[in-house]
Amino acid sequence: MYRLREDHTYHMPAHFGGQPGGLSWVCRCSDVHALSLVYETDRDRLEAYVHEDFELLRPEISVQMSQMRMVDFMANGGYNLVQVSVPVAYRREAGLTGVYPLVVWENQTWPIIGGREETGVPKIFADIADLHSRGDHVFTCASFWSRTFLELDFFGKRDATPEELAQTNRDMEHIHLLGYRYIPNVGGPGAALSQATLYPQAMRCDRVVLGEGALRWHVPAFPEHHPGQHHILRALGELPLGRMIDARLLHGEITMNPPDARTLP
């Protein structure tokens, strides 16, 4: 019979063994294309989806599709993700600000498991198309059960100046991904685990293109169109789509730092 060791880290199914110590490796994705759109929305309605441990800093939503390639923990394979996040401050630790992901869709199981149960990132599955382009038009979409729920379009206007590129890299040198890890009780109401988390990340860009963007949420007419995700899509789709604050296409590398991830007091 196997016995769990307190000095090991395990993943389910744990009975096949774990590894000594904690998570010891920094995850690197060395070829990343990201389409990022930021738009204004209604503060009161947006705050309804931000946990009370956090303070919404600005009534804006960031939607970023990242095409991750040369991912070291996937044997230099890749995956795609769509992250919907808002800017927040953590109320219980002075000076701690970052981005609070409302939801992250990914199209591979392994990164979902690592981010969801282990670091509190609200990851779920979707089919996410690669970035496609014709001329200056770059576009993608995400779907679930063969129904598209999000379309993103970007129209490049100019490359960032050296000063703008340098500022982008300064802004993304320390990304505080502030999540909330919630594990329900088995068979009943309440939480087996409920805690705020910090998952440090960074991005280094070698090119940034500035431009104009548009997005469209497709709210499903019936819950059975998107089982398990209908309420998420309806909530996001019903938030007002205000002024587009920023639209850009980025290329570079992303570093994710599980060894420095931690729960927050």
C-alpha atoms as a PDB file:
ATOM      1  CA  MET A   1       0.000   0.000   0.000  1.00  0.00           C
ATOM      2  CA  TYR A   2       1.325   3.447  -0.857  1.00  0.00           C
ATOM      3  CA  ARG A   3       1.654   6.213   1.705  1.00  0.00           C
ATOM      4  CA  LEU A   4       1.832   9.931   0.949  1.00  0.00           C
ATOM      5  CA  ARG A   5       4.995  11.627   2.143  1.00  0.00           C
ATOM      6  CA  GLU A   6       4.835  15.142   3.556  1.00  0.00           C
ATOM      7  CA  ASP A   7       8.139  16.081   1.901  1.00  0.00           C
ATOM      8  CA  HIS A   8       6.861  15.243  -1.616  1.00  0.00           C
ATOM      9  CA  THR A   9       4.649  17.003  -4.147  1.00  0.00           C
ATOM     10  CA  TYR A  10       1.954  14.911  -5.817  1.00  0.00           C
ATOM     11  CA  HIS A  11      -0.497  15.313  -8.674  1.00  0.00           C
ATOM     12  CA  MET A  12      -3.683  13.289  -8.972  1.00  0.00           C
ATOM     13  CA  PRO A  13      -3.642  10.345  -9.347  1.00  0.00           C
ATOM     14  CA  ALA A  14      -1.190  10.528  -6.443  1.00  0.00           C
ATOM     15  CA  HIS A  15      -0.749   6.761  -6.011  1.00  0.00           C
ATOM     16  CA  PHE A  16       1.628   6.643  -8.992  1.00  0.00           C
ATOM     17  CA  GLY A  17       4.180   8.675  -7.046  1.00  0.00           C
ATOM     18  CA  GLY A  18       5.369  12.221  -6.509  1.00  0.00           C
ATOM     19  CA  GLN A  19       8.580  14.182  -6.475  1.00  0.00           C
ATOM     20  CA  PRO A  20      10.731  15.261  -3.520  1.00  0.00           C
ATOM     21  CA  GLY A  21      10.262  18.842  -2.362  1.00  0.00           C
ATOM     22  CA  GLY A  22       8.035  21.472  -3.913  1.00  0.00           C
ATOM     23  CA  LEU A  23       7.670  22.717  -7.453  1.00  0.00           C
ATOM     24  CA  SER A  24      11.250  23.604  -8.307  1.00  0.00           C
ATOM     25  CA  TRP A  25      11.246  24.611 -11.964  1.00  0.00           C
ATOM     26  CA  VAL A  26      10.508  27.918 -13.683  1.00  0.00           C
ATOM     27  CA  CYS A  27       8.300  27.439 -16.753  1.00  0.00           C
ATOM     28  CA  ARG A  28       9.401  29.196 -19.937  1.00  0.00           C
ATOM     29  CA  CYS A  29       7.550  29.717 -23.203  1.00  0.00           C
ATOM     30  CA  SER A  30      10.092  31.136 -25.637  1.00  0.00           C
ATOM     31  CA  ASP A  31       7.857  31.827 -28.657  1.00  0.00           C
ATOM     32  CA  VAL A  32       4.655  33.646 -27.732  1.00  0.00           C
ATOM     33  CA  HIS A  33       2.332  35.687 -29.933  1.00  0.00           C
ATOM     34  CA  ALA A  34      -0.319  37.533 -27.923  1.00  0.00           C
ATOM     35  CA  LEU A  35      -3.304  39.592 -29.049  1.00  0.00           C
ATOM     36  CA  SER A  36      -4.361  41.930 -26.239  1.00  0.00           C
ATOM     37  CA  LEU A  37      -7.503  44.080 -26.092  1.00  0.00           C
ATOM     38  CA  VAL A  38      -8.547  46.261 -23.133  1.00  0.00           C
ATOM     39  CA  TYR A  39     -11.954  47.920 -22.890  1.00  0.00           C
ATOM     40  CA  GLU A  40     -13.997  49.906 -20.395  1.00  0.00           C
ATOM     41  CA  THR A  41     -17.110  48.549 -18.727  1.00  0.00           C
ATOM     42  CA  ASP A  42     -19.519  49.305 -15.880  1.00  0.00           C
ATOM     43  CA  ARG A  43     -17.779  49.349 -12.481  1.00  0.00           C
ATOM     44  CA  ASP A  44     -20.698  48.195 -10.340  1.00  0.00           C
ATOM     45  CA  ARG A  45     -21.538  45.269 -12.582  1.00  0.00           C
ATOM     46  CA  LEU A  46     -17.899  44.224 -12.915  1.00  0.00           C
ATOM     47  CA  GLU A  47     -17.298  44.335  -9.162  1.00  0.00           C
ATOM     48  CA  ALA A  48     -19.931  41.631  -8.723  1.00  0.00           C
ATOM     49  CA  TYR A  49     -17.377  39.143 -10.100  1.00  0.00           C
ATOM     50  CA  VAL A  50     -14.340  40.255  -8.051  1.00  0.00           C
ATOM     51  CA  HIS A  51     -13.796  38.469  -4.722  1.00  0.00           C
ATOM     52  CA  GLU A  52     -14.188  40.670  -1.656  1.00  0.00           C
ATOM     53  CA  ASP A  53     -10.499  40.216  -0.738  1.00  0.00           C
ATOM     54  CA  PHE A  54      -9.622  42.352  -3.775  1.00  0.00           C
ATOM     55  CA  GLU A  55     -10.312  45.957  -4.769  1.00  0.00           C
ATOM     56  CA  LEU A  56     -11.084  46.748  -8.400  1.00  0.00           C
ATOM     57  CA  LEU A  57      -8.677  49.510  -9.445  1.00  0.00           C
ATOM     58  CA  ARG A  58     -10.273  50.490 -12.760  1.00  0.00           C
ATOM     59  CA  PRO A  59     -13.504  49.439 -14.506  1.00  0.00           C
ATOM     60  CA  GLU A  60     -11.764  47.776 -17.423  1.00  0.00           C
ATOM     61  CA  ILE A  61     -11.435  44.270 -18.812  1.00  0.00           C
ATOM     62  CA  SER A  62      -8.391  42.803 -20.523  1.00  0.00           C
ATOM     63  CA  VAL A  63      -8.949  39.983 -23.003  1.00  0.00           C
ATOM     64  CA  GLN A  64      -5.715  38.406 -24.181  1.00  0.00           C
ATOM     65  CA  MET A  65      -5.261  35.466 -26.517  1.00  0.00           C
ATOM     66  CA  SER A  66      -1.792  33.954 -26.209  1.00  0.00           C
ATOM     67  CA  GLN A  67      -0.414  31.480 -28.723  1.00  0.00           C
ATOM     68  CA  MET A  68       2.192  29.667 -26.634  1.00  0.00           C
ATOM     69  CA  ARG A  69       4.922  27.771 -28.475  1.00  0.00           C
ATOM     70  CA  MET A  70       8.252  26.241 -27.414  1.00  0.00           C
ATOM     71  CA  VAL A  71       6.834  25.542 -23.956  1.00  0.00           C
ATOM     72  CA  ASP A  72       9.558  23.798 -21.986  1.00  0.00           C
ATOM     73  CA  PHE A  73       7.318  21.858 -19.584  1.00  0.00           C
ATOM     74  CA  MET A  74       5.431  20.462 -22.600  1.00  0.00           C
ATOM     75  CA  ALA A  75       8.593  19.150 -24.321  1.00  0.00           C
ATOM     76  CA  ASN A  76       8.710  22.345 -26.423  1.00  0.00           C
ATOM     77  CA  GLY A  77       5.158  21.800 -27.623  1.00  0.00           C
ATOM     78  CA  GLY A  78       2.456  24.414 -27.304  1.00  0.00           C
ATOM     79  CA  TYR A  79      -1.072  25.441 -26.436  1.00  0.00           C
ATOM     80  CA  ASN A  80      -3.409  28.418 -26.782  1.00  0.00           C
ATOM     81  CA  LEU A  81      -5.171  30.387 -24.067  1.00  0.00           C
ATOM     82  CA  VAL A  82      -7.641  33.232 -23.635  1.00  0.00           C
ATOM     83  CA  GLN A  83      -7.361  35.155 -20.364  1.00  0.00           C
ATOM     84  CA  VAL A  84     -10.042  37.588 -19.193  1.00  0.00           C
ATOM     85  CA  SER A  85      -8.713  39.698 -16.317  1.00  0.00           C
ATOM     86  CA  VAL A  86      -9.176  42.939 -14.387  1.00  0.00           C
ATOM     87  CA  PRO A  87      -6.737  45.205 -12.468  1.00  0.00           C
ATOM     88  CA  VAL A  88      -6.953  44.793  -8.688  1.00  0.00           C
ATOM     89  CA  ALA A  89      -5.249  45.434  -5.364  1.00  0.00           C
ATOM     90  CA  TYR A  90      -5.162  42.848  -2.585  1.00  0.00           C
ATOM     91  CA  ARG A  91      -6.810  44.383   0.476  1.00  0.00           C
ATOM     92  CA  ARG A  92      -4.854  42.401   3.094  1.00  0.00           C
ATOM     93  CA  GLU A  93      -1.324  43.176   1.912  1.00  0.00           C
ATOM     94  CA  ALA A  94      -0.400  46.821   1.393  1.00  0.00           C
ATOM     95  CA  GLY A  95       1.007  47.657  -2.017  1.00  0.00           C
ATOM     96  CA  LEU A  96       0.187  44.323  -3.659  1.00  0.00           C
ATOM     97  CA  THR A  97      -1.473  44.985  -7.006  1.00  0.00           C
ATOM     98  CA  GLY A  98      -1.865  42.840 -10.086  1.00  0.00           C
ATOM     99  CA  VAL A  99      -4.312  41.237 -12.473  1.00  0.00           C
ATOM    100  CA  TYR A 100      -7.255  39.145 -11.312  1.00  0.00           C
ATOM    101  CA  PRO A 101      -8.296  36.525 -13.873  1.00  0.00           C
ATOM    102  CA  LEU A 102     -12.055  36.149 -14.089  1.00  0.00           C
ATOM    103  CA  VAL A 103     -11.569  33.097 -16.302  1.00  0.00           C
ATOM    104  CA  VAL A 104      -8.815  31.511 -18.384  1.00  0.00           C
ATOM    105  CA  TRP A 105      -9.644  29.177 -21.254  1.00  0.00           C
ATOM    106  CA  GLU A 106      -6.955  26.767 -22.463  1.00  0.00           C
ATOM    107  CA  ASN A 107      -6.954  24.033 -25.070  1.00  0.00           C
ATOM    108  CA  GLN A 108      -4.632  21.543 -23.324  1.00  0.00           C
ATOM    109  CA  THR A 109      -5.211  19.566 -20.124  1.00  0.00           C
ATOM    110  CA  TRP A 110      -1.740  19.699 -18.566  1.00  0.00           C
ATOM    111  CA  PRO A 111      -1.469  23.505 -18.170  1.00  0.00           C
ATOM    112  CA  ILE A 112      -5.073  23.617 -16.922  1.00  0.00           C
ATOM    113  CA  ILE A 113      -4.261  21.207 -14.077  1.00  0.00           C
ATOM    114  CA  GLY A 114      -1.081  23.047 -13.091  1.00  0.00           C
ATOM    115  CA  GLY A 115      -2.722  26.454 -12.941  1.00  0.00           C
ATOM    116  CA  ARG A 116      -6.101  25.515 -11.537  1.00  0.00           C
ATOM    117  CA  GLU A 117      -5.694  23.263  -8.499  1.00  0.00           C
ATOM    118  CA  GLU A 118      -2.093  24.206  -7.725  1.00  0.00           C
ATOM    119  CA  THR A 119      -2.075  28.003  -8.061  1.00  0.00           C
ATOM    120  CA  GLY A 120      -5.711  29.108  -8.010  1.00  0.00           C
ATOM    121  CA  VAL A 121      -6.062  30.269 -11.619  1.00  0.00           C
ATOM    122  CA  PRO A 122      -9.678  29.735 -12.805  1.00  0.00           C
ATOM    123  CA  LYS A 123      -8.845  27.648 -15.875  1.00  0.00           C
ATOM    124  CA  ILE A 124     -11.342  25.735 -17.991  1.00  0.00           C
ATOM    125  CA  PHE A 125     -11.250  24.111 -21.415  1.00  0.00           C
ATOM    126  CA  ALA A 126     -12.122  25.575 -24.810  1.00  0.00           C
ATOM    127  CA  ASP A 127     -11.142  25.075 -28.425  1.00  0.00           C
ATOM    128  CA  ILE A 128      -9.017  28.109 -29.327  1.00  0.00           C
ATOM    129  CA  ALA A 129      -7.935  28.780 -32.892  1.00  0.00           C
ATOM    130  CA  ASP A 130      -4.389  29.844 -33.705  1.00  0.00           C
ATOM    131  CA  LEU A 131      -3.866  33.466 -34.669  1.00  0.00           C
ATOM    132  CA  HIS A 132      -4.570  33.994 -38.361  1.00  0.00           C
ATOM    133  CA  SER A 133      -3.698  37.043 -40.432  1.00  0.00           C
ATOM    134  CA  ARG A 134      -4.108  38.713 -43.773  1.00  0.00           C
ATOM    135  CA  GLY A 135      -2.151  41.891 -44.193  1.00  0.00           C
ATOM    136  CA  ASP A 136      -2.506  43.924 -40.989  1.00  0.00           C
ATOM    137  CA  HIS A 137      -5.631  42.031 -39.883  1.00  0.00           C
ATOM    138  CA  VAL A 138      -5.011  39.439 -37.152  1.00  0.00           C
ATOM    139  CA  PHE A 139      -7.886  37.390 -35.772  1.00  0.00           C
ATOM    140  CA  THR A 140      -8.880  34.339 -33.751  1.00  0.00           C
ATOM    141  CA  CYS A 141     -11.883  32.798 -32.024  1.00  0.00           C
ATOM    142  CA  ALA A 142     -12.758  30.455 -29.170  1.00  0.00           C
ATOM    143  CA  SER A 143     -15.479  27.826 -29.055  1.00  0.00           C
ATOM    144  CA  PHE A 144     -16.934  25.122 -26.839  1.00  0.00           C
ATOM    145  CA  TRP A 145     -19.021  22.172 -28.007  1.00  0.00           C
ATOM    146  CA  SER A 146     -18.617  23.449 -31.584  1.00  0.00           C
ATOM    147  CA  ARG A 147     -20.226  26.812 -30.778  1.00  0.00           C
ATOM    148  CA  THR A 148     -18.121  29.953 -31.061  1.00  0.00           C
ATOM    149  CA  PHE A 149     -18.420  32.178 -27.984  1.00  0.00           C
ATOM    150  CA  LEU A 150     -15.699  34.791 -28.606  1.00  0.00           C
ATOM    151  CA  GLU A 151     -14.190  36.487 -31.656  1.00  0.00           C
ATOM    152  CA  LEU A 152     -11.148  38.780 -31.544  1.00  0.00           C
ATOM    153  CA  ASP A 153      -9.927  41.065 -34.337  1.00  0.00           C
ATOM    154  CA  PHE A 154      -6.874  43.324 -34.481  1.00  0.00           C
ATOM    155  CA  PHE A 155      -5.803  45.803 -37.147  1.00  0.00           C
ATOM    156  CA  GLY A 156      -2.156  46.798 -36.852  1.00  0.00           C
ATOM    157  CA  LYS A 157      -1.272  50.450 -37.417  1.00  0.00           C
ATOM    158  CA  ARG A 158       2.381  50.824 -36.403  1.00  0.00           C
ATOM    159  CA  ASP A 159       5.244  49.236 -34.525  1.00  0.00           C
ATOM    160  CA  ALA A 160       5.907  50.515 -31.040  1.00  0.00           C
ATOM    161  CA  THR A 161       8.767  52.982 -30.769  1.00  0.00           C
ATOM    162  CA  PRO A 162      11.903  51.847 -28.887  1.00  0.00           C
ATOM    163  CA  GLU A 163      10.702  53.895 -25.914  1.00  0.00           C
ATOM    164  CA  GLU A 164       7.237  52.303 -26.006  1.00  0.00           C
ATOM    165  CA  LEU A 165       8.747  48.824 -26.302  1.00  0.00           C
ATOM    166  CA  ALA A 166      11.018  49.496 -23.329  1.00  0.00           C
ATOM    167  CA  GLN A 167       8.055  50.738 -21.266  1.00  0.00           C
ATOM    168  CA  THR A 168       6.035  47.646 -22.173  1.00  0.00           C
ATOM    169  CA  ASN A 169       8.860  45.428 -20.946  1.00  0.00           C
ATOM    170  CA  ARG A 170       9.133  47.391 -17.709  1.00  0.00           C
ATOM    171  CA  ASP A 171       5.385  47.037 -17.163  1.00  0.00           C
ATOM    172  CA  MET A 172       5.513  43.270 -17.741  1.00  0.00           C
ATOM    173  CA  GLU A 173       8.730  42.491 -15.877  1.00  0.00           C
ATOM    174  CA  HIS A 174       6.777  41.577 -12.738  1.00  0.00           C
ATOM    175  CA  ILE A 175       3.235  40.359 -13.401  1.00  0.00           C
ATOM    176  CA  HIS A 176       1.319  39.522 -10.233  1.00  0.00           C
ATOM    177  CA  LEU A 177      -1.409  37.075 -11.214  1.00  0.00           C
ATOM    178  CA  LEU A 178      -3.776  37.233  -8.245  1.00  0.00           C
ATOM    179  CA  GLY A 179      -6.128  34.271  -8.190  1.00  0.00           C
ATOM    180  CA  TYR A 180      -8.572  32.630  -5.832  1.00  0.00           C
ATOM    181  CA  ARG A 181      -8.307  28.893  -5.232  1.00  0.00           C
ATOM    182  CA  TYR A 182     -11.632  27.300  -4.349  1.00  0.00           C
ATOM    183  CA  ILE A 183     -12.101  23.546  -3.867  1.00  0.00           C
ATOM    184  CA  PRO A 184     -15.660  22.555  -2.885  1.00  0.00           C
ATOM    185  CA  ASN A 185     -16.501  20.050  -0.193  1.00  0.00           C
ATOM    186  CA  VAL A 186     -17.180  16.571  -1.510  1.00  0.00           C
ATOM    187  CA  GLY A 187     -20.922  16.010  -1.783  1.00  0.00           C
ATOM    188  CA  GLY A 188     -22.051  19.104   0.052  1.00  0.00           C
ATOM    189  CA  PRO A 189     -22.030  22.890   0.268  1.00  0.00           C
ATOM    190  CA  GLY A 190     -19.071  24.883   1.493  1.00  0.00           C
ATOM    191  CA  ALA A 191     -15.382  24.841   0.710  1.00  0.00           C
ATOM    192  CA  ALA A 192     -12.698  22.305   1.459  1.00  0.00           C
ATOM    193  CA  LEU A 193     -10.191  25.000   0.462  1.00  0.00           C
ATOM    194  CA  SER A 194     -10.760  28.719  -0.105  1.00  0.00           C
ATOM    195  CA  GLN A 195      -7.791  31.099  -0.374  1.00  0.00           C
ATOM    196  CA  ALA A 196      -6.323  33.965  -2.370  1.00  0.00           C
ATOM    197  CA  THR A 197      -3.143  33.193  -4.316  1.00  0.00           C
ATOM    198  CA  LEU A 198      -0.236  34.938  -6.027  1.00  0.00           C
ATOM    199  CA  TYR A 199       1.363  33.387  -9.121  1.00  0.00           C
ATOM    200  CA  PRO A 200       4.349  35.477 -10.357  1.00  0.00           C
ATOM    201  CA  GLN A 201       4.878  35.741 -14.105  1.00  0.00           C
ATOM    202  CA  ALA A 202       6.752  37.930 -16.589  1.00  0.00           C
ATOM    203  CA  MET A 203       6.868  38.669 -20.303  1.00  0.00           C
ATOM    204  CA  ARG A 204       9.758  40.015 -22.348  1.00  0.00           C
ATOM    205  CA  CYS A 205       8.794  41.383 -25.771  1.00  0.00           C
ATOM    206  CA  ASP A 206      10.971  41.842 -28.827  1.00  0.00           C
ATOM    207  CA  ARG A 207       8.152  43.361 -30.884  1.00  0.00           C
ATOM    208  CA  VAL A 208       4.912  45.198 -30.141  1.00  0.00           C
ATOM    209  CA  VAL A 209       2.448  46.370 -32.784  1.00  0.00           C
ATOM    210  CA  LEU A 210      -0.136  48.998 -31.817  1.00  0.00           C
ATOM    211  CA  GLY A 211      -3.477  49.275 -33.534  1.00  0.00           C
ATOM    212  CA  GLU A 212      -7.232  48.977 -33.257  1.00  0.00           C
ATOM    213  CA  GLY A 213      -9.248  46.028 -32.054  1.00  0.00           C
ATOM    214  CA  ALA A 214     -12.717  44.609 -31.706  1.00  0.00           C
ATOM    215  CA  LEU A 215     -14.254  41.687 -29.874  1.00  0.00           C
ATOM    216  CA  ARG A 216     -17.617  39.985 -29.869  1.00  0.00           C
ATOM    217  CA  TRP A 217     -19.073  37.797 -27.157  1.00  0.00           C
ATOM    218  CA  HIS A 218     -21.673  35.311 -28.375  1.00  0.00           C
ATOM    219  CA  VAL A 219     -23.972  34.619 -25.437  1.00  0.00           C
ATOM    220  CA  PRO A 220     -25.556  31.174 -25.791  1.00  0.00           C
ATOM    221  CA  ALA A 221     -29.322  31.188 -26.080  1.00  0.00           C
ATOM    222  CA  PHE A 222     -29.722  28.030 -24.006  1.00  0.00           C
ATOM    223  CA  PRO A 223     -27.661  26.579 -21.131  1.00  0.00           C
ATOM    224  CA  GLU A 224     -27.363  23.277 -22.982  1.00  0.00           C
ATOM    225  CA  HIS A 225     -25.405  24.993 -25.760  1.00  0.00           C
ATOM    226  CA  HIS A 226     -22.443  25.390 -23.384  1.00  0.00           C
ATOM    227  CA  PRO A 227     -22.880  22.948 -20.459  1.00  0.00           C
ATOM    228  CA  GLY A 228     -20.944  24.093 -17.399  1.00  0.00           C
ATOM    229  CA  GLN A 229     -19.889  27.382 -19.003  1.00  0.00           C
ATOM    230  CA  HIS A 230     -23.187  29.049 -19.907  1.00  0.00           C
ATOM    231  CA  HIS A 231     -23.293  31.181 -16.742  1.00  0.00           C
ATOM    232  CA  ILE A 232     -19.727  32.403 -17.325  1.00  0.00           C
ATOM    233  CA  LEU A 233     -20.367  33.391 -20.927  1.00  0.00           C
ATOM    234  CA  ARG A 234     -23.642  35.102 -20.068  1.00  0.00           C
ATOM    235  CA  ALA A 235     -22.002  37.128 -17.294  1.00  0.00           C
ATOM    236  CA  LEU A 236     -19.159  38.322 -19.532  1.00  0.00           C
ATOM    237  CA  GLY A 237     -21.370  38.881 -22.558  1.00  0.00           C
ATOM    238  CA  GLU A 238     -23.814  41.022 -20.617  1.00  0.00           C
ATOM    239  CA  LEU A 239     -21.147  43.389 -19.258  1.00  0.00           C
ATOM    240  CA  PRO A 240     -21.224  46.661 -21.237  1.00  0.00           C
ATOM    241  CA  LEU A 241     -18.611  46.813 -23.992  1.00  0.00           C
ATOM    242  CA  GLY A 242     -17.329  50.375 -23.665  1.00  0.00           C
ATOM    243  CA  ARG A 243     -14.458  52.328 -25.175  1.00  0.00           C
ATOM    244  CA  MET A 244     -11.499  50.292 -26.413  1.00  0.00           C
ATOM    245  CA  ILE A 245      -8.590  51.542 -24.288  1.00  0.00           C
ATOM    246  CA  ASP A 246      -5.748  49.563 -25.814  1.00  0.00           C
ATOM    247  CA  ALA A 247      -5.164  47.115 -28.648  1.00  0.00           C
ATOM    248  CA  ARG A 248      -1.809  45.533 -29.374  1.00  0.00           C
ATOM    249  CA  LEU A 249      -0.062  42.475 -30.758  1.00  0.00           C
ATOM    250  CA  LEU A 250       2.987  41.256 -28.863  1.00  0.00           C
ATOM    251  CA  HIS A 251       5.754  38.770 -29.558  1.00  0.00           C
ATOM    252  CA  GLY A 252       8.268  37.537 -27.027  1.00  0.00           C
ATOM    253  CA  GLU A 253       8.729  35.028 -24.231  1.00  0.00           C
ATOM    254  CA  ILE A 254       6.770  34.340 -21.071  1.00  0.00           C
ATOM    255  CA  THR A 255       8.137  33.070 -17.764  1.00  0.00           C
ATOM    256  CA  MET A 256       5.890  31.483 -15.136  1.00  0.00           C
ATOM    257  CA  ASN A 257       7.334  30.984 -11.675  1.00  0.00           C
ATOM    258  CA  PRO A 258       5.586  28.197  -9.686  1.00  0.00           C
ATOM    259  CA  PRO A 259       8.331  28.014  -7.005  1.00  0.00           C
ATOM    260  CA  ASP A 260       7.507  31.583  -5.916  1.00  0.00           C
ATOM    261  CA  ALA A 261       3.724  31.133  -6.021  1.00  0.00           C
ATOM    262  CA  ARG A 262       2.094  31.433  -2.610  1.00  0.00           C
ATOM    263  CA  THR A 263      -1.165  31.712  -0.770  1.00  0.00           C
ATOM    264  CA  LEU A 264      -2.031  35.158   0.543  1.00  0.00           C
ATOM    265  CA  PRO A 265      -2.908  35.967   4.160  1.00  0.00           C
END
